[in-house]
Amino acid sequence: MSARTIASVAALAVILTTACSEGSESTGLPGEPVSIVNGTPTGASYGAVGALLYDLNANGTVDALDQLCSGTLIAPTVFQTAAHCLSWLPASAQLYVSFSPSLAPVPATFISATGFAYDPLYNVSNGNPHDLAVVFLPTGSTAGITPLNLPPAGYLDQLAAQGVLQKAVFVNVGYGDMANRTGRPTRGYDGQRRQSSSLFMALTSTWLGLRMNAAVTGKGGDCYGDSGGPKFLEGDPTTILAHVVTGDAICRATTWDYRLDTQAARDFLGQFVTLP
């Protein structure tokens, strides 16, 4: 078992588990944390989406296999991700962030974080897990990268009321595993930042649910290592509406993403950035 897999298991240990069979499109509530499925490399696009890393084997160096999760730069010194990526680490853990389009082969650029914080209300509830965290970066370390925007309060509710969401397409971006579409479930990893798109499925007071059954929709989704990675409404790559938290165990059916426009999310993130 690789060090990267061990990290995934550690993160998964604090989350409830559900699984959907191949071909299902369950709209049940979320359960298991979740690479970009059926996607393509972003290249220089989505330059504010980064990878979160930790020296898993304690060998004094960091590389692609040390990738834990994905996330987004929301201020020059603030990188936003999911709490379950960090809650199992010691408070003194040295984290790293990279915005390189590919973490391997080297050279990729790794920024040494100065600290991190996650929502003190974080829990394993399917209702509202408060699954939010921020990683702090040194001043000047993200020069040339434009931070992305957080949504106004209740933005997804407004879109739902306008009838926009039912036919909406969302863009997924992250550094996680690639999952196969049929046959025995397998996953691959090459350290590249990828993008894919998913169709809208459901909206709750906490969650944005998306369909990622590529065999049915012809589109894609996300998987392990994409946790904390952003969700964009197609056509607007500047505003993060939600981030990856959970989905089905084999990355073939659904993705459930934690909304960033709720009061709970704003209460936490507003401590670190100016909100719209």
C-alpha atoms as a PDB file:
ATOM      1  CA  MET A   1       0.000   0.000   0.000  1.00  0.00           C
ATOM      2  CA  SER A   2       1.486   3.359  -1.016  1.00  0.00           C
ATOM      3  CA  ALA A   3       1.948   6.255   1.385  1.00  0.00           C
ATOM      4  CA  ARG A   4      -0.642   8.181  -0.610  1.00  0.00           C
ATOM      5  CA  THR A   5      -3.173   5.367  -0.169  1.00  0.00           C
ATOM      6  CA  ILE A   6      -2.470   5.290   3.562  1.00  0.00           C
ATOM      7  CA  ALA A   7      -3.297   8.993   3.733  1.00  0.00           C
ATOM      8  CA  SER A   8      -6.558   8.393   1.912  1.00  0.00           C
ATOM      9  CA  VAL A   9      -7.467   5.647   4.369  1.00  0.00           C
ATOM     10  CA  ALA A  10      -6.668   7.920   7.306  1.00  0.00           C
ATOM     11  CA  ALA A  11      -8.934  10.615   5.933  1.00  0.00           C
ATOM     12  CA  LEU A  12     -11.683   8.122   5.126  1.00  0.00           C
ATOM     13  CA  ALA A  13     -11.633   6.711   8.630  1.00  0.00           C
ATOM     14  CA  VAL A  14     -13.421   9.779   9.974  1.00  0.00           C
ATOM     15  CA  ILE A  15     -16.268   9.742   7.434  1.00  0.00           C
ATOM     16  CA  LEU A  16     -19.337   7.513   7.163  1.00  0.00           C
ATOM     17  CA  THR A  17     -19.289   5.150   4.183  1.00  0.00           C
ATOM     18  CA  THR A  18     -21.902   4.522   1.517  1.00  0.00           C
ATOM     19  CA  ALA A  19     -21.525   2.911  -1.887  1.00  0.00           C
ATOM     20  CA  CYS A  20     -23.582   2.950  -5.056  1.00  0.00           C
ATOM     21  CA  SER A  21     -23.553   0.096  -7.526  1.00  0.00           C
ATOM     22  CA  GLU A  22     -22.378   0.717 -11.060  1.00  0.00           C
ATOM     23  CA  GLY A  23     -25.028   2.478 -13.090  1.00  0.00           C
ATOM     24  CA  SER A  24     -26.940   3.807 -10.082  1.00  0.00           C
ATOM     25  CA  GLU A  25     -27.701   7.475  -9.695  1.00  0.00           C
ATOM     26  CA  SER A  26     -28.791   7.507  -6.078  1.00  0.00           C
ATOM     27  CA  THR A  27     -29.933  10.808  -4.659  1.00  0.00           C
ATOM     28  CA  GLY A  28     -29.375   9.631  -1.086  1.00  0.00           C
ATOM     29  CA  LEU A  29     -27.378  11.807   1.252  1.00  0.00           C
ATOM     30  CA  PRO A  30     -23.570  11.707   1.007  1.00  0.00           C
ATOM     31  CA  GLY A  31     -21.246   9.372   2.830  1.00  0.00           C
ATOM     32  CA  GLU A  32     -17.657   8.798   1.636  1.00  0.00           C
ATOM     33  CA  PRO A  33     -14.978  11.333   0.679  1.00  0.00           C
ATOM     34  CA  VAL A  34     -13.813  11.209  -2.803  1.00  0.00           C
ATOM     35  CA  SER A  35      -9.888  12.344  -8.970  1.00  0.00           C
ATOM     36  CA  ILE A  36     -11.271  13.817 -11.737  1.00  0.00           C
ATOM     37  CA  VAL A  37     -13.175  11.158 -13.679  1.00  0.00           C
ATOM     38  CA  ASN A  38     -13.336  11.173 -17.480  1.00  0.00           C
ATOM     39  CA  GLY A  39     -11.466  14.486 -17.510  1.00  0.00           C
ATOM     40  CA  THR A  40      -8.664  16.224 -19.368  1.00  0.00           C
ATOM     41  CA  PRO A  41      -5.505  18.003 -18.139  1.00  0.00           C
ATOM     42  CA  THR A  42      -6.088  21.689 -17.460  1.00  0.00           C
ATOM     43  CA  GLY A  43      -2.646  22.879 -18.528  1.00  0.00           C
ATOM     44  CA  ALA A  44      -2.320  26.517 -17.502  1.00  0.00           C
ATOM     45  CA  SER A  45      -6.090  26.931 -17.020  1.00  0.00           C
ATOM     46  CA  TYR A  46      -7.493  27.013 -13.476  1.00  0.00           C
ATOM     47  CA  GLY A  47      -4.148  28.219 -12.176  1.00  0.00           C
ATOM     48  CA  ALA A  48      -5.603  29.067  -8.754  1.00  0.00           C
ATOM     49  CA  VAL A  49      -6.578  25.422  -8.135  1.00  0.00           C
ATOM     50  CA  GLY A  50      -3.795  23.651  -6.269  1.00  0.00           C
ATOM     51  CA  ALA A  51      -2.740  20.415  -4.630  1.00  0.00           C
ATOM     52  CA  LEU A  52      -2.319  19.959  -0.882  1.00  0.00           C
ATOM     53  CA  LEU A  53       0.654  17.820   0.163  1.00  0.00           C
ATOM     54  CA  TYR A  54       2.235  16.383   3.313  1.00  0.00           C
ATOM     55  CA  ASP A  55       5.490  14.422   3.711  1.00  0.00           C
ATOM     56  CA  LEU A  56       3.727  11.117   4.295  1.00  0.00           C
ATOM     57  CA  ASN A  57       6.802   8.893   4.557  1.00  0.00           C
ATOM     58  CA  ALA A  58       8.785  11.478   6.535  1.00  0.00           C
ATOM     59  CA  ASN A  59      11.757  11.283   4.166  1.00  0.00           C
ATOM     60  CA  GLY A  60      12.335  15.031   4.172  1.00  0.00           C
ATOM     61  CA  THR A  61      11.113  15.629   0.634  1.00  0.00           C
ATOM     62  CA  VAL A  62       7.723  16.133  -0.958  1.00  0.00           C
ATOM     63  CA  ASP A  63       6.583  14.787  -4.323  1.00  0.00           C
ATOM     64  CA  ALA A  64       3.441  13.758  -6.231  1.00  0.00           C
ATOM     65  CA  LEU A  65       2.815  10.712  -4.025  1.00  0.00           C
ATOM     66  CA  ASP A  66       2.501  13.000  -1.003  1.00  0.00           C
ATOM     67  CA  GLN A  67      -0.656  14.628  -2.414  1.00  0.00           C
ATOM     68  CA  LEU A  68      -3.550  14.557   0.047  1.00  0.00           C
ATOM     69  CA  CYS A  69      -6.301  16.703  -1.456  1.00  0.00           C
ATOM     70  CA  SER A  70      -7.071  19.592  -3.772  1.00  0.00           C
ATOM     71  CA  GLY A  71      -8.113  23.159  -3.021  1.00  0.00           C
ATOM     72  CA  THR A  72      -8.316  26.742  -4.224  1.00  0.00           C
ATOM     73  CA  LEU A  73      -6.515  30.014  -3.599  1.00  0.00           C
ATOM     74  CA  ILE A  74      -9.151  32.444  -2.266  1.00  0.00           C
ATOM     75  CA  ALA A  75      -6.742  35.186  -1.119  1.00  0.00           C
ATOM     76  CA  PRO A  76      -3.019  35.725  -1.764  1.00  0.00           C
ATOM     77  CA  THR A  77      -2.119  33.870   1.446  1.00  0.00           C
ATOM     78  CA  VAL A  78      -5.228  31.691   1.967  1.00  0.00           C
ATOM     79  CA  PHE A  79      -5.788  28.270   0.357  1.00  0.00           C
ATOM     80  CA  GLN A  80      -9.239  26.780   0.954  1.00  0.00           C
ATOM     81  CA  THR A  81      -9.826  23.009   1.187  1.00  0.00           C
ATOM     82  CA  ALA A  82     -11.818  20.401   3.146  1.00  0.00           C
ATOM     83  CA  ALA A  83     -11.473  19.782   6.880  1.00  0.00           C
ATOM     84  CA  HIS A  84     -11.340  15.999   6.527  1.00  0.00           C
ATOM     85  CA  CYS A  85      -8.067  16.419   4.621  1.00  0.00           C
ATOM     86  CA  LEU A  86      -6.412  17.923   7.712  1.00  0.00           C
ATOM     87  CA  SER A  87      -8.285  16.951  10.871  1.00  0.00           C
ATOM     88  CA  TRP A  88      -6.202  13.786  11.409  1.00  0.00           C
ATOM     89  CA  LEU A  89      -2.871  15.650  11.245  1.00  0.00           C
ATOM     90  CA  PRO A  90      -0.979  17.042  14.247  1.00  0.00           C
ATOM     91  CA  ALA A  91      -1.344  20.795  14.696  1.00  0.00           C
ATOM     92  CA  SER A  92       2.380  21.178  13.966  1.00  0.00           C
ATOM     93  CA  ALA A  93       2.199  19.351  10.601  1.00  0.00           C
ATOM     94  CA  GLN A  94       4.162  20.975   7.799  1.00  0.00           C
ATOM     95  CA  LEU A  95       1.904  21.205   4.777  1.00  0.00           C
ATOM     96  CA  TYR A  96       2.745  22.145   1.204  1.00  0.00           C
ATOM     97  CA  VAL A  97       0.697  23.556  -1.662  1.00  0.00           C
ATOM     98  CA  SER A  98       1.501  23.381  -5.364  1.00  0.00           C
ATOM     99  CA  PHE A  99      -0.220  25.175  -8.234  1.00  0.00           C
ATOM    100  CA  SER A 100       1.875  23.393 -10.873  1.00  0.00           C
ATOM    101  CA  PRO A 101      -0.302  21.820 -13.610  1.00  0.00           C
ATOM    102  CA  SER A 102       1.481  18.533 -12.950  1.00  0.00           C
ATOM    103  CA  LEU A 103       3.133  17.357  -9.737  1.00  0.00           C
ATOM    104  CA  ALA A 104       5.257  14.829 -11.631  1.00  0.00           C
ATOM    105  CA  PRO A 105       7.735  14.503 -13.066  1.00  0.00           C
ATOM    106  CA  VAL A 106       9.669  17.147 -11.206  1.00  0.00           C
ATOM    107  CA  PRO A 107      10.221  20.030 -11.191  1.00  0.00           C
ATOM    108  CA  ALA A 108       6.959  21.115  -9.629  1.00  0.00           C
ATOM    109  CA  THR A 109       6.877  24.126  -7.336  1.00  0.00           C
ATOM    110  CA  PHE A 110       5.921  23.410  -3.729  1.00  0.00           C
ATOM    111  CA  ILE A 111       5.066  26.220  -1.307  1.00  0.00           C
ATOM    112  CA  SER A 112       5.710  25.573   2.391  1.00  0.00           C
ATOM    113  CA  ALA A 113       2.581  26.527   4.326  1.00  0.00           C
ATOM    114  CA  THR A 114       2.834  28.559   7.512  1.00  0.00           C
ATOM    115  CA  GLY A 115      -0.102  26.868   9.220  1.00  0.00           C
ATOM    116  CA  PHE A 116      -3.679  25.686   8.837  1.00  0.00           C
ATOM    117  CA  ALA A 117      -7.073  25.801  10.498  1.00  0.00           C
ATOM    118  CA  TYR A 118     -10.293  23.867  10.095  1.00  0.00           C
ATOM    119  CA  ASP A 119     -13.812  24.641  11.244  1.00  0.00           C
ATOM    120  CA  PRO A 120     -14.031  23.758  14.958  1.00  0.00           C
ATOM    121  CA  LEU A 121     -17.563  22.515  14.295  1.00  0.00           C
ATOM    122  CA  TYR A 122     -16.267  19.871  11.852  1.00  0.00           C
ATOM    123  CA  ASN A 123     -17.941  16.495  12.403  1.00  0.00           C
ATOM    124  CA  VAL A 124     -18.911  13.377  10.447  1.00  0.00           C
ATOM    125  CA  SER A 125     -22.574  14.302  10.153  1.00  0.00           C
ATOM    126  CA  ASN A 126     -24.390  13.851   6.874  1.00  0.00           C
ATOM    127  CA  GLY A 127     -26.463  16.875   7.802  1.00  0.00           C
ATOM    128  CA  ASN A 128     -23.896  19.658   8.100  1.00  0.00           C
ATOM    129  CA  PRO A 129     -20.336  18.411   8.671  1.00  0.00           C
ATOM    130  CA  HIS A 130     -18.776  21.904   8.526  1.00  0.00           C
ATOM    131  CA  ASP A 131     -16.138  20.299   6.306  1.00  0.00           C
ATOM    132  CA  LEU A 132     -14.064  23.426   5.684  1.00  0.00           C
ATOM    133  CA  ALA A 133     -10.404  24.276   6.185  1.00  0.00           C
ATOM    134  CA  VAL A 134      -7.847  26.886   5.193  1.00  0.00           C
ATOM    135  CA  VAL A 135      -4.089  26.622   4.739  1.00  0.00           C
ATOM    136  CA  PHE A 136      -1.948  29.719   5.221  1.00  0.00           C
ATOM    137  CA  LEU A 137       0.795  30.574   2.718  1.00  0.00           C
ATOM    138  CA  PRO A 138       3.720  33.012   2.992  1.00  0.00           C
ATOM    139  CA  THR A 139       3.295  36.561   1.732  1.00  0.00           C
ATOM    140  CA  GLY A 140       4.424  36.816  -1.884  1.00  0.00           C
ATOM    141  CA  SER A 141       4.462  33.053  -2.466  1.00  0.00           C
ATOM    142  CA  THR A 142       1.483  33.141  -4.862  1.00  0.00           C
ATOM    143  CA  ALA A 143       2.520  36.179  -6.903  1.00  0.00           C
ATOM    144  CA  GLY A 144       1.088  35.955 -10.427  1.00  0.00           C
ATOM    145  CA  ILE A 145      -1.879  33.781  -9.371  1.00  0.00           C
ATOM    146  CA  THR A 146      -5.275  35.478  -9.198  1.00  0.00           C
ATOM    147  CA  PRO A 147      -7.343  34.234  -6.237  1.00  0.00           C
ATOM    148  CA  LEU A 148     -10.834  33.032  -7.060  1.00  0.00           C
ATOM    149  CA  ASN A 149     -14.111  34.363  -5.714  1.00  0.00           C
ATOM    150  CA  LEU A 150     -16.447  32.880  -3.146  1.00  0.00           C
ATOM    151  CA  PRO A 151     -20.194  33.102  -3.898  1.00  0.00           C
ATOM    152  CA  PRO A 152     -22.650  35.583  -2.391  1.00  0.00           C
ATOM    153  CA  ALA A 153     -24.871  34.289   0.400  1.00  0.00           C
ATOM    154  CA  GLY A 154     -27.559  31.918  -0.850  1.00  0.00           C
ATOM    155  CA  TYR A 155     -26.360  32.082  -4.455  1.00  0.00           C
ATOM    156  CA  LEU A 156     -27.261  28.477  -5.324  1.00  0.00           C
ATOM    157  CA  ASP A 157     -30.733  28.954  -3.814  1.00  0.00           C
ATOM    158  CA  GLN A 158     -31.192  31.993  -6.055  1.00  0.00           C
ATOM    159  CA  LEU A 159     -30.183  29.962  -9.118  1.00  0.00           C
ATOM    160  CA  ALA A 160     -32.591  27.206  -8.112  1.00  0.00           C
ATOM    161  CA  ALA A 161     -35.439  29.694  -7.708  1.00  0.00           C
ATOM    162  CA  GLN A 162     -34.695  31.030 -11.200  1.00  0.00           C
ATOM    163  CA  GLY A 163     -34.855  27.499 -12.646  1.00  0.00           C
ATOM    164  CA  VAL A 164     -31.215  27.645 -13.715  1.00  0.00           C
ATOM    165  CA  LEU A 165     -29.910  24.576 -11.884  1.00  0.00           C
ATOM    166  CA  GLN A 166     -32.027  21.827 -13.447  1.00  0.00           C
ATOM    167  CA  LYS A 167     -30.116  22.016 -16.729  1.00  0.00           C
ATOM    168  CA  ALA A 168     -26.866  23.326 -15.287  1.00  0.00           C
ATOM    169  CA  VAL A 169     -23.446  21.841 -16.019  1.00  0.00           C
ATOM    170  CA  PHE A 170     -20.755  22.122 -13.373  1.00  0.00           C
ATOM    171  CA  VAL A 171     -16.985  21.970 -13.831  1.00  0.00           C
ATOM    172  CA  ASN A 172     -14.843  19.830 -11.513  1.00  0.00           C
ATOM    173  CA  VAL A 173     -11.126  20.594 -11.081  1.00  0.00           C
ATOM    174  CA  GLY A 174      -8.557  18.698  -9.018  1.00  0.00           C
ATOM    175  CA  TYR A 175      -5.465  16.529  -8.782  1.00  0.00           C
ATOM    176  CA  GLY A 176      -7.043  13.265  -7.669  1.00  0.00           C
ATOM    177  CA  ASP A 177      -7.252   9.742  -9.044  1.00  0.00           C
ATOM    178  CA  MET A 178      -8.681   8.711 -12.385  1.00  0.00           C
ATOM    179  CA  ALA A 179     -11.402   6.050 -12.162  1.00  0.00           C
ATOM    180  CA  ASN A 180     -12.431   3.612 -14.884  1.00  0.00           C
ATOM    181  CA  ARG A 181     -16.002   3.711 -16.204  1.00  0.00           C
ATOM    182  CA  THR A 182     -16.854   0.002 -16.546  1.00  0.00           C
ATOM    183  CA  GLY A 183     -15.692  -3.394 -15.320  1.00  0.00           C
ATOM    184  CA  ARG A 184     -13.848  -4.052 -12.092  1.00  0.00           C
ATOM    185  CA  PRO A 185     -13.312  -0.680 -10.373  1.00  0.00           C
ATOM    186  CA  THR A 186      -9.728   0.552 -10.629  1.00  0.00           C
ATOM    187  CA  ARG A 187      -8.055   3.896 -10.076  1.00  0.00           C
ATOM    188  CA  GLY A 188      -4.935   5.510 -11.500  1.00  0.00           C
ATOM    189  CA  TYR A 189      -2.897   8.523 -10.451  1.00  0.00           C
ATOM    190  CA  ASP A 190      -0.340  10.638 -12.324  1.00  0.00           C
ATOM    191  CA  GLY A 191      -0.312  13.909 -10.370  1.00  0.00           C
ATOM    192  CA  GLN A 192      -1.893  16.047 -13.091  1.00  0.00           C
ATOM    193  CA  ARG A 193      -4.501  18.732 -12.513  1.00  0.00           C
ATOM    194  CA  ARG A 194      -7.572  17.783 -14.511  1.00  0.00           C
ATOM    195  CA  GLN A 195     -11.007  19.141 -15.289  1.00  0.00           C
ATOM    196  CA  SER A 196     -14.277  17.430 -16.118  1.00  0.00           C
ATOM    197  CA  SER A 197     -17.958  18.343 -16.106  1.00  0.00           C
ATOM    198  CA  SER A 198     -21.017  16.945 -14.347  1.00  0.00           C
ATOM    199  CA  LEU A 199     -24.765  17.460 -14.570  1.00  0.00           C
ATOM    200  CA  PHE A 200     -26.834  18.875 -11.726  1.00  0.00           C
ATOM    201  CA  MET A 201     -28.667  16.345  -9.568  1.00  0.00           C
ATOM    202  CA  ALA A 202     -29.913  17.914  -6.337  1.00  0.00           C
ATOM    203  CA  LEU A 203     -29.563  20.824  -3.932  1.00  0.00           C
ATOM    204  CA  THR A 204     -30.039  20.682  -0.165  1.00  0.00           C
ATOM    205  CA  SER A 205     -29.416  23.267   2.522  1.00  0.00           C
ATOM    206  CA  THR A 206     -25.836  21.972   2.806  1.00  0.00           C
ATOM    207  CA  TRP A 207     -25.007  19.980  -0.310  1.00  0.00           C
ATOM    208  CA  LEU A 208     -24.761  20.355  -4.079  1.00  0.00           C
ATOM    209  CA  GLY A 209     -25.294  16.929  -5.630  1.00  0.00           C
ATOM    210  CA  LEU A 210     -24.016  16.161  -9.132  1.00  0.00           C
ATOM    211  CA  ARG A 211     -24.363  13.172 -11.457  1.00  0.00           C
ATOM    212  CA  MET A 212     -21.068  11.570 -12.441  1.00  0.00           C
ATOM    213  CA  ASN A 213     -22.210   8.342 -14.094  1.00  0.00           C
ATOM    214  CA  ALA A 214     -20.166   8.857 -17.252  1.00  0.00           C
ATOM    215  CA  ALA A 215     -21.707   5.827 -18.941  1.00  0.00           C
ATOM    216  CA  VAL A 216     -25.125   7.554 -18.736  1.00  0.00           C
ATOM    217  CA  THR A 217     -24.337  11.255 -18.941  1.00  0.00           C
ATOM    218  CA  GLY A 218     -21.303  11.134 -21.239  1.00  0.00           C
ATOM    219  CA  LYS A 219     -19.608  13.522 -18.823  1.00  0.00           C
ATOM    220  CA  GLY A 220     -17.438  12.989 -15.759  1.00  0.00           C
ATOM    221  CA  GLY A 221     -16.933  13.652 -12.076  1.00  0.00           C
ATOM    222  CA  ASP A 222     -14.384  13.424  -9.269  1.00  0.00           C
ATOM    223  CA  CYS A 223     -12.751  10.844  -6.996  1.00  0.00           C
ATOM    224  CA  TYR A 224     -10.174  10.305  -4.220  1.00  0.00           C
ATOM    225  CA  GLY A 225      -7.668  13.152  -3.996  1.00  0.00           C
ATOM    226  CA  ASP A 226     -10.154  15.716  -5.331  1.00  0.00           C
ATOM    227  CA  SER A 227     -11.554  16.414  -1.867  1.00  0.00           C
ATOM    228  CA  GLY A 228     -11.494  20.162  -1.273  1.00  0.00           C
ATOM    229  CA  GLY A 229     -11.377  20.808  -5.015  1.00  0.00           C
ATOM    230  CA  PRO A 230     -13.721  23.456  -6.432  1.00  0.00           C
ATOM    231  CA  LYS A 231     -16.990  23.265  -8.349  1.00  0.00           C
ATOM    232  CA  PHE A 232     -17.709  25.962 -10.924  1.00  0.00           C
ATOM    233  CA  LEU A 233     -20.841  26.703 -12.906  1.00  0.00           C
ATOM    234  CA  GLU A 234     -19.893  26.152 -16.552  1.00  0.00           C
ATOM    235  CA  GLY A 235     -19.051  29.516 -18.083  1.00  0.00           C
ATOM    236  CA  ASP A 236     -17.848  31.100 -14.843  1.00  0.00           C
ATOM    237  CA  PRO A 237     -14.362  29.827 -13.873  1.00  0.00           C
ATOM    238  CA  THR A 238     -13.883  32.611 -11.328  1.00  0.00           C
ATOM    239  CA  THR A 239     -16.420  31.722  -8.613  1.00  0.00           C
ATOM    240  CA  ILE A 240     -16.247  28.601  -6.443  1.00  0.00           C
ATOM    241  CA  LEU A 241     -19.737  27.415  -5.550  1.00  0.00           C
ATOM    242  CA  ALA A 242     -18.888  24.266  -3.580  1.00  0.00           C
ATOM    243  CA  HIS A 243     -16.039  21.874  -2.958  1.00  0.00           C
ATOM    244  CA  VAL A 244     -15.665  18.094  -3.062  1.00  0.00           C
ATOM    245  CA  VAL A 245     -16.385  16.188   0.126  1.00  0.00           C
ATOM    246  CA  THR A 246     -18.036  12.885  -0.681  1.00  0.00           C
ATOM    247  CA  GLY A 247     -19.472  10.490  -3.251  1.00  0.00           C
ATOM    248  CA  ASP A 248     -19.923   6.819  -4.046  1.00  0.00           C
ATOM    249  CA  ALA A 249     -17.071   4.470  -3.160  1.00  0.00           C
ATOM    250  CA  ILE A 250     -16.049   3.601  -6.728  1.00  0.00           C
ATOM    251  CA  CYS A 251     -16.392   7.097  -8.225  1.00  0.00           C
ATOM    252  CA  ARG A 252     -19.002   6.165 -10.805  1.00  0.00           C
ATOM    253  CA  ALA A 253     -22.358   7.512  -9.688  1.00  0.00           C
ATOM    254  CA  THR A 254     -22.605  10.731  -7.707  1.00  0.00           C
ATOM    255  CA  THR A 255     -20.579  13.480  -6.091  1.00  0.00           C
ATOM    256  CA  TRP A 256     -21.845  15.452  -3.107  1.00  0.00           C
ATOM    257  CA  ASP A 257     -20.167  18.797  -2.639  1.00  0.00           C
ATOM    258  CA  TYR A 258     -20.194  21.117   0.362  1.00  0.00           C
ATOM    259  CA  ARG A 259     -21.828  24.445  -0.456  1.00  0.00           C
ATOM    260  CA  LEU A 260     -19.777  27.597   0.115  1.00  0.00           C
ATOM    261  CA  ASP A 261     -22.719  30.024  -0.041  1.00  0.00           C
ATOM    262  CA  THR A 262     -24.361  28.937   3.222  1.00  0.00           C
ATOM    263  CA  GLN A 263     -24.240  30.870   6.477  1.00  0.00           C
ATOM    264  CA  ALA A 264     -22.225  28.084   8.111  1.00  0.00           C
ATOM    265  CA  ALA A 265     -19.567  28.238   5.394  1.00  0.00           C
ATOM    266  CA  ARG A 266     -19.506  32.030   5.467  1.00  0.00           C
ATOM    267  CA  ASP A 267     -19.147  32.100   9.256  1.00  0.00           C
ATOM    268  CA  PHE A 268     -15.902  30.139   8.987  1.00  0.00           C
ATOM    269  CA  LEU A 269     -14.411  31.545   5.785  1.00  0.00           C
ATOM    270  CA  GLY A 270     -15.297  35.123   6.694  1.00  0.00           C
ATOM    271  CA  GLN A 271     -12.680  34.991   9.452  1.00  0.00           C
ATOM    272  CA  PHE A 272      -9.934  34.782   6.823  1.00  0.00           C
ATOM    273  CA  VAL A 273     -11.171  36.571   3.685  1.00  0.00           C
ATOM    274  CA  THR A 274     -13.558  39.371   2.733  1.00  0.00           C
ATOM    275  CA  LEU A 275     -16.834  37.834   1.554  1.00  0.00           C
ATOM    276  CA  PRO A 276     -19.062  39.177  -1.236  1.00  0.00           C
END
